[in-house]
Amino acid sequence: MEDRQASMKAMAEAAKTIAGMFEGKTDYDATAFKLAAETLRTKSGDALIAEFPRGSVGGSTTAKAEIDQFPDEFAALAHHVQTLAAALSRAADTAPDGITDNMRMKPGTGGMGSSLLGKRAGPTKELDPSEIPAEHVFHLMLQDCTSCHAKFRSKPL
């Protein structure tokens, strides 16, 4: 369980690093952006699923039993986060000197894509993350994290 918590904390720190750069709170650093995106990519997908083996929830963990009850939904979110993190990693490769205009969200991009947990206005087909500005990809990834926490994590006491 300690490894799982450390992994989740590493993912949270990586997300904070990228958020700080997009928000202008920290200077853009392509190496740090890439490292953060790679942390998210390598700790999501199958690696994240492996952190929650069947029957490992309960006790002092904030992970809910719903992980065992809805493993396909949990896995879909974990894999989608990995797909989005990989797109962020590729974006860092193309922006060595700063966040480029094509990495930034444009007006009207908020409804792109679809939620794994329900229907949302916008296209019915999931868009290729490589065709979406990196900032929007990041926000989609955060939505997946929020959805996963809402369903599969209880609030700490």
C-alpha atoms as a PDB file:
ATOM      1  CA  MET A   1       0.000   0.000   0.000  1.00  0.00           C
ATOM      2  CA  GLU A   2       2.908   2.373   0.681  1.00  0.00           C
ATOM      3  CA  ASP A   3       4.181   1.849  -2.876  1.00  0.00           C
ATOM      4  CA  ARG A   4       0.715   2.632  -4.220  1.00  0.00           C
ATOM      5  CA  GLN A   5       0.511   5.831  -2.177  1.00  0.00           C
ATOM      6  CA  ALA A   6       3.985   6.883  -3.315  1.00  0.00           C
ATOM      7  CA  SER A   7       2.983   6.239  -6.922  1.00  0.00           C
ATOM      8  CA  MET A   8      -0.189   8.307  -6.587  1.00  0.00           C
ATOM      9  CA  LYS A   9       1.774  11.136  -4.922  1.00  0.00           C
ATOM     10  CA  ALA A  10       4.305  11.064  -7.774  1.00  0.00           C
ATOM     11  CA  MET A  11       1.441  11.364 -10.265  1.00  0.00           C
ATOM     12  CA  ALA A  12      -0.040  14.295  -8.323  1.00  0.00           C
ATOM     13  CA  GLU A  13       3.333  16.066  -8.222  1.00  0.00           C
ATOM     14  CA  ALA A  14       3.815  15.491 -11.954  1.00  0.00           C
ATOM     15  CA  ALA A  15       0.382  16.972 -12.673  1.00  0.00           C
ATOM     16  CA  LYS A  16       1.206  19.984 -10.464  1.00  0.00           C
ATOM     17  CA  THR A  17       4.438  20.510 -12.399  1.00  0.00           C
ATOM     18  CA  ILE A  18       2.645  20.598 -15.734  1.00  0.00           C
ATOM     19  CA  ALA A  19      -0.208  22.726 -14.351  1.00  0.00           C
ATOM     20  CA  GLY A  20       2.267  25.258 -12.996  1.00  0.00           C
ATOM     21  CA  MET A  21       3.834  25.646 -16.423  1.00  0.00           C
ATOM     22  CA  PHE A  22       0.525  26.017 -18.247  1.00  0.00           C
ATOM     23  CA  GLU A  23      -0.697  28.499 -15.624  1.00  0.00           C
ATOM     24  CA  GLY A  24       2.516  30.522 -15.837  1.00  0.00           C
ATOM     25  CA  LYS A  25       3.269  30.002 -12.140  1.00  0.00           C
ATOM     26  CA  THR A  26       6.550  28.309 -13.011  1.00  0.00           C
ATOM     27  CA  ASP A  27       8.831  28.810 -15.978  1.00  0.00           C
ATOM     28  CA  TYR A  28       8.467  26.339 -18.796  1.00  0.00           C
ATOM     29  CA  ASP A  29      11.179  23.711 -18.800  1.00  0.00           C
ATOM     30  CA  ALA A  30      10.832  21.123 -21.562  1.00  0.00           C
ATOM     31  CA  THR A  31      12.884  18.567 -19.626  1.00  0.00           C
ATOM     32  CA  ALA A  32      10.768  18.942 -16.476  1.00  0.00           C
ATOM     33  CA  PHE A  33       7.562  18.900 -18.557  1.00  0.00           C
ATOM     34  CA  LYS A  34       8.725  15.711 -20.312  1.00  0.00           C
ATOM     35  CA  LEU A  35       9.756  14.067 -17.034  1.00  0.00           C
ATOM     36  CA  ALA A  36       6.382  14.914 -15.479  1.00  0.00           C
ATOM     37  CA  ALA A  37       4.480  13.597 -18.507  1.00  0.00           C
ATOM     38  CA  GLU A  38       6.579  10.426 -18.497  1.00  0.00           C
ATOM     39  CA  THR A  39       5.893   9.950 -14.786  1.00  0.00           C
ATOM     40  CA  LEU A  40       2.171  10.138 -15.528  1.00  0.00           C
ATOM     41  CA  ARG A  41       2.507   7.808 -18.516  1.00  0.00           C
ATOM     42  CA  THR A  42       4.573   5.143 -16.755  1.00  0.00           C
ATOM     43  CA  LYS A  43       2.497   5.142 -13.571  1.00  0.00           C
ATOM     44  CA  SER A  44      -0.886   4.926 -15.344  1.00  0.00           C
ATOM     45  CA  GLY A  45      -2.337   2.189 -17.563  1.00  0.00           C
ATOM     46  CA  ASP A  46      -1.381  -1.333 -16.547  1.00  0.00           C
ATOM     47  CA  ALA A  47       1.030  -0.026 -13.880  1.00  0.00           C
ATOM     48  CA  LEU A  48      -1.826   1.810 -12.140  1.00  0.00           C
ATOM     49  CA  ILE A  49      -4.131  -1.196 -12.412  1.00  0.00           C
ATOM     50  CA  ALA A  50      -1.413  -3.400 -10.884  1.00  0.00           C
ATOM     51  CA  GLU A  51      -1.276  -1.047  -7.875  1.00  0.00           C
ATOM     52  CA  PHE A  52      -4.827  -2.159  -6.984  1.00  0.00           C
ATOM     53  CA  PRO A  53      -4.871  -5.962  -7.034  1.00  0.00           C
ATOM     54  CA  ARG A  54      -8.230  -7.538  -6.377  1.00  0.00           C
ATOM     55  CA  GLY A  55      -9.071  -7.475  -2.679  1.00  0.00           C
ATOM     56  CA  SER A  56      -6.472  -4.834  -1.783  1.00  0.00           C
ATOM     57  CA  VAL A  57      -8.931  -2.089  -0.848  1.00  0.00           C
ATOM     58  CA  GLY A  58     -10.305  -1.343   2.580  1.00  0.00           C
ATOM     59  CA  GLY A  59      -8.603  -0.819   5.894  1.00  0.00           C
ATOM     60  CA  SER A  60      -6.482   2.312   6.039  1.00  0.00           C
ATOM     61  CA  THR A  61      -6.623   2.957   2.295  1.00  0.00           C
ATOM     62  CA  THR A  62      -8.934   5.497   0.672  1.00  0.00           C
ATOM     63  CA  ALA A  63      -9.460   3.159  -2.299  1.00  0.00           C
ATOM     64  CA  LYS A  64     -13.083   2.031  -2.501  1.00  0.00           C
ATOM     65  CA  ALA A  65     -14.426  -1.473  -3.076  1.00  0.00           C
ATOM     66  CA  GLU A  66     -15.832  -0.173  -6.378  1.00  0.00           C
ATOM     67  CA  ILE A  67     -12.389  -0.828  -7.884  1.00  0.00           C
ATOM     68  CA  ASP A  68     -13.086  -4.552  -7.478  1.00  0.00           C
ATOM     69  CA  GLN A  69     -16.750  -4.157  -8.487  1.00  0.00           C
ATOM     70  CA  PHE A  70     -16.090  -2.182 -11.686  1.00  0.00           C
ATOM     71  CA  PRO A  71     -12.620  -3.263 -12.834  1.00  0.00           C
ATOM     72  CA  ASP A  72     -13.303  -2.567 -16.524  1.00  0.00           C
ATOM     73  CA  GLU A  73     -14.278   1.031 -15.809  1.00  0.00           C
ATOM     74  CA  PHE A  74     -11.228   1.508 -13.578  1.00  0.00           C
ATOM     75  CA  ALA A  75      -8.993   0.008 -16.273  1.00  0.00           C
ATOM     76  CA  ALA A  76     -10.507   2.198 -18.997  1.00  0.00           C
ATOM     77  CA  LEU A  77      -9.745   5.324 -16.986  1.00  0.00           C
ATOM     78  CA  ALA A  78      -6.213   4.144 -16.178  1.00  0.00           C
ATOM     79  CA  HIS A  79      -5.486   3.416 -19.846  1.00  0.00           C
ATOM     80  CA  HIS A  80      -7.027   6.683 -21.032  1.00  0.00           C
ATOM     81  CA  VAL A  81      -4.834   8.648 -18.616  1.00  0.00           C
ATOM     82  CA  GLN A  82      -1.834   6.814 -20.066  1.00  0.00           C
ATOM     83  CA  THR A  83      -2.852   7.671 -23.632  1.00  0.00           C
ATOM     84  CA  LEU A  84      -3.236  11.336 -22.721  1.00  0.00           C
ATOM     85  CA  ALA A  85       0.038  11.412 -20.773  1.00  0.00           C
ATOM     86  CA  ALA A  86       1.841   9.936 -23.790  1.00  0.00           C
ATOM     87  CA  ALA A  87       0.472  12.784 -25.928  1.00  0.00           C
ATOM     88  CA  LEU A  88       1.761  15.289 -23.360  1.00  0.00           C
ATOM     89  CA  SER A  89       5.165  13.639 -23.474  1.00  0.00           C
ATOM     90  CA  ARG A  90       5.258  13.957 -27.262  1.00  0.00           C
ATOM     91  CA  ALA A  91       4.252  17.632 -26.969  1.00  0.00           C
ATOM     92  CA  ALA A  92       7.343  18.297 -24.841  1.00  0.00           C
ATOM     93  CA  ASP A  93       9.496  16.882 -27.641  1.00  0.00           C
ATOM     94  CA  THR A  94       8.150  19.461 -30.079  1.00  0.00           C
ATOM     95  CA  ALA A  95       8.467  22.460 -27.746  1.00  0.00           C
ATOM     96  CA  PRO A  96      12.035  22.653 -26.461  1.00  0.00           C
ATOM     97  CA  ASP A  97      12.056  26.423 -25.909  1.00  0.00           C
ATOM     98  CA  GLY A  98       8.612  27.193 -24.524  1.00  0.00           C
ATOM     99  CA  ILE A  99       4.929  26.471 -24.613  1.00  0.00           C
ATOM    100  CA  THR A 100       3.957  27.090 -28.205  1.00  0.00           C
ATOM    101  CA  ASP A 101       0.691  28.573 -29.428  1.00  0.00           C
ATOM    102  CA  ASN A 102      -0.355  25.198 -30.842  1.00  0.00           C
ATOM    103  CA  MET A 103       0.004  23.695 -27.338  1.00  0.00           C
ATOM    104  CA  ARG A 104      -2.496  26.193 -25.904  1.00  0.00           C
ATOM    105  CA  MET A 105      -6.250  25.637 -25.693  1.00  0.00           C
ATOM    106  CA  LYS A 106      -8.255  27.656 -28.152  1.00  0.00           C
ATOM    107  CA  PRO A 107     -11.711  29.130 -27.520  1.00  0.00           C
ATOM    108  CA  GLY A 108     -14.376  26.510 -28.108  1.00  0.00           C
ATOM    109  CA  THR A 109     -12.208  23.456 -27.407  1.00  0.00           C
ATOM    110  CA  GLY A 110     -13.865  22.706 -24.057  1.00  0.00           C
ATOM    111  CA  GLY A 111     -16.442  20.296 -25.482  1.00  0.00           C
ATOM    112  CA  MET A 112     -14.047  18.158 -27.509  1.00  0.00           C
ATOM    113  CA  GLY A 113     -13.960  14.437 -26.897  1.00  0.00           C
ATOM    114  CA  SER A 114     -16.229  12.308 -24.792  1.00  0.00           C
ATOM    115  CA  SER A 115     -16.272  11.153 -21.223  1.00  0.00           C
ATOM    116  CA  LEU A 116     -15.655   7.529 -20.374  1.00  0.00           C
ATOM    117  CA  LEU A 117     -18.252   7.851 -17.631  1.00  0.00           C
ATOM    118  CA  GLY A 118     -21.090   9.348 -19.596  1.00  0.00           C
ATOM    119  CA  LYS A 119     -22.162  11.386 -22.581  1.00  0.00           C
ATOM    120  CA  ARG A 120     -21.025  14.941 -23.008  1.00  0.00           C
ATOM    121  CA  ALA A 121     -21.897  17.498 -25.643  1.00  0.00           C
ATOM    122  CA  GLY A 122     -19.570  17.452 -28.604  1.00  0.00           C
ATOM    123  CA  PRO A 123     -18.344  14.865 -31.062  1.00  0.00           C
ATOM    124  CA  THR A 124     -19.369  11.289 -30.406  1.00  0.00           C
ATOM    125  CA  LYS A 125     -16.007   9.983 -31.590  1.00  0.00           C
ATOM    126  CA  GLU A 126     -13.004  10.237 -29.273  1.00  0.00           C
ATOM    127  CA  LEU A 127     -10.455  12.565 -30.848  1.00  0.00           C
ATOM    128  CA  ASP A 128      -6.829  11.635 -31.345  1.00  0.00           C
ATOM    129  CA  PRO A 129      -4.920  13.360 -28.501  1.00  0.00           C
ATOM    130  CA  SER A 130      -2.095  14.216 -30.924  1.00  0.00           C
ATOM    131  CA  GLU A 131      -4.568  16.442 -32.786  1.00  0.00           C
ATOM    132  CA  ILE A 132      -5.623  18.362 -29.664  1.00  0.00           C
ATOM    133  CA  PRO A 133      -3.591  21.157 -28.056  1.00  0.00           C
ATOM    134  CA  ALA A 134      -1.475  19.788 -25.185  1.00  0.00           C
ATOM    135  CA  GLU A 135      -3.151  22.097 -22.686  1.00  0.00           C
ATOM    136  CA  HIS A 136      -6.534  20.606 -23.585  1.00  0.00           C
ATOM    137  CA  VAL A 137      -5.092  17.084 -23.395  1.00  0.00           C
ATOM    138  CA  PHE A 138      -3.869  17.941 -19.900  1.00  0.00           C
ATOM    139  CA  HIS A 139      -7.344  19.117 -18.860  1.00  0.00           C
ATOM    140  CA  LEU A 140      -8.917  15.941 -20.270  1.00  0.00           C
ATOM    141  CA  MET A 141      -6.436  13.909 -18.255  1.00  0.00           C
ATOM    142  CA  LEU A 142      -7.327  15.845 -15.099  1.00  0.00           C
ATOM    143  CA  GLN A 143     -11.010  15.123 -15.798  1.00  0.00           C
ATOM    144  CA  ASP A 144     -10.181  11.412 -15.927  1.00  0.00           C
ATOM    145  CA  CYS A 145      -8.327  11.708 -12.612  1.00  0.00           C
ATOM    146  CA  THR A 146     -11.283  13.531 -11.061  1.00  0.00           C
ATOM    147  CA  SER A 147     -13.745  10.949 -12.406  1.00  0.00           C
ATOM    148  CA  CYS A 148     -11.628   8.105 -11.083  1.00  0.00           C
ATOM    149  CA  HIS A 149     -11.266   9.683  -7.648  1.00  0.00           C
ATOM    150  CA  ALA A 150     -14.983  10.479  -7.475  1.00  0.00           C
ATOM    151  CA  LYS A 151     -15.953   6.859  -8.068  1.00  0.00           C
ATOM    152  CA  PHE A 152     -13.024   4.867  -6.720  1.00  0.00           C
ATOM    153  CA  ARG A 153     -11.582   6.912  -3.850  1.00  0.00           C
ATOM    154  CA  SER A 154     -13.165   7.946  -0.580  1.00  0.00           C
ATOM    155  CA  LYS A 155     -12.233  11.274   0.924  1.00  0.00           C
ATOM    156  CA  PRO A 156      -9.532  10.999   3.574  1.00  0.00           C
ATOM    157  CA  LEU A 157     -10.730  11.598   7.112  1.00  0.00           C
END
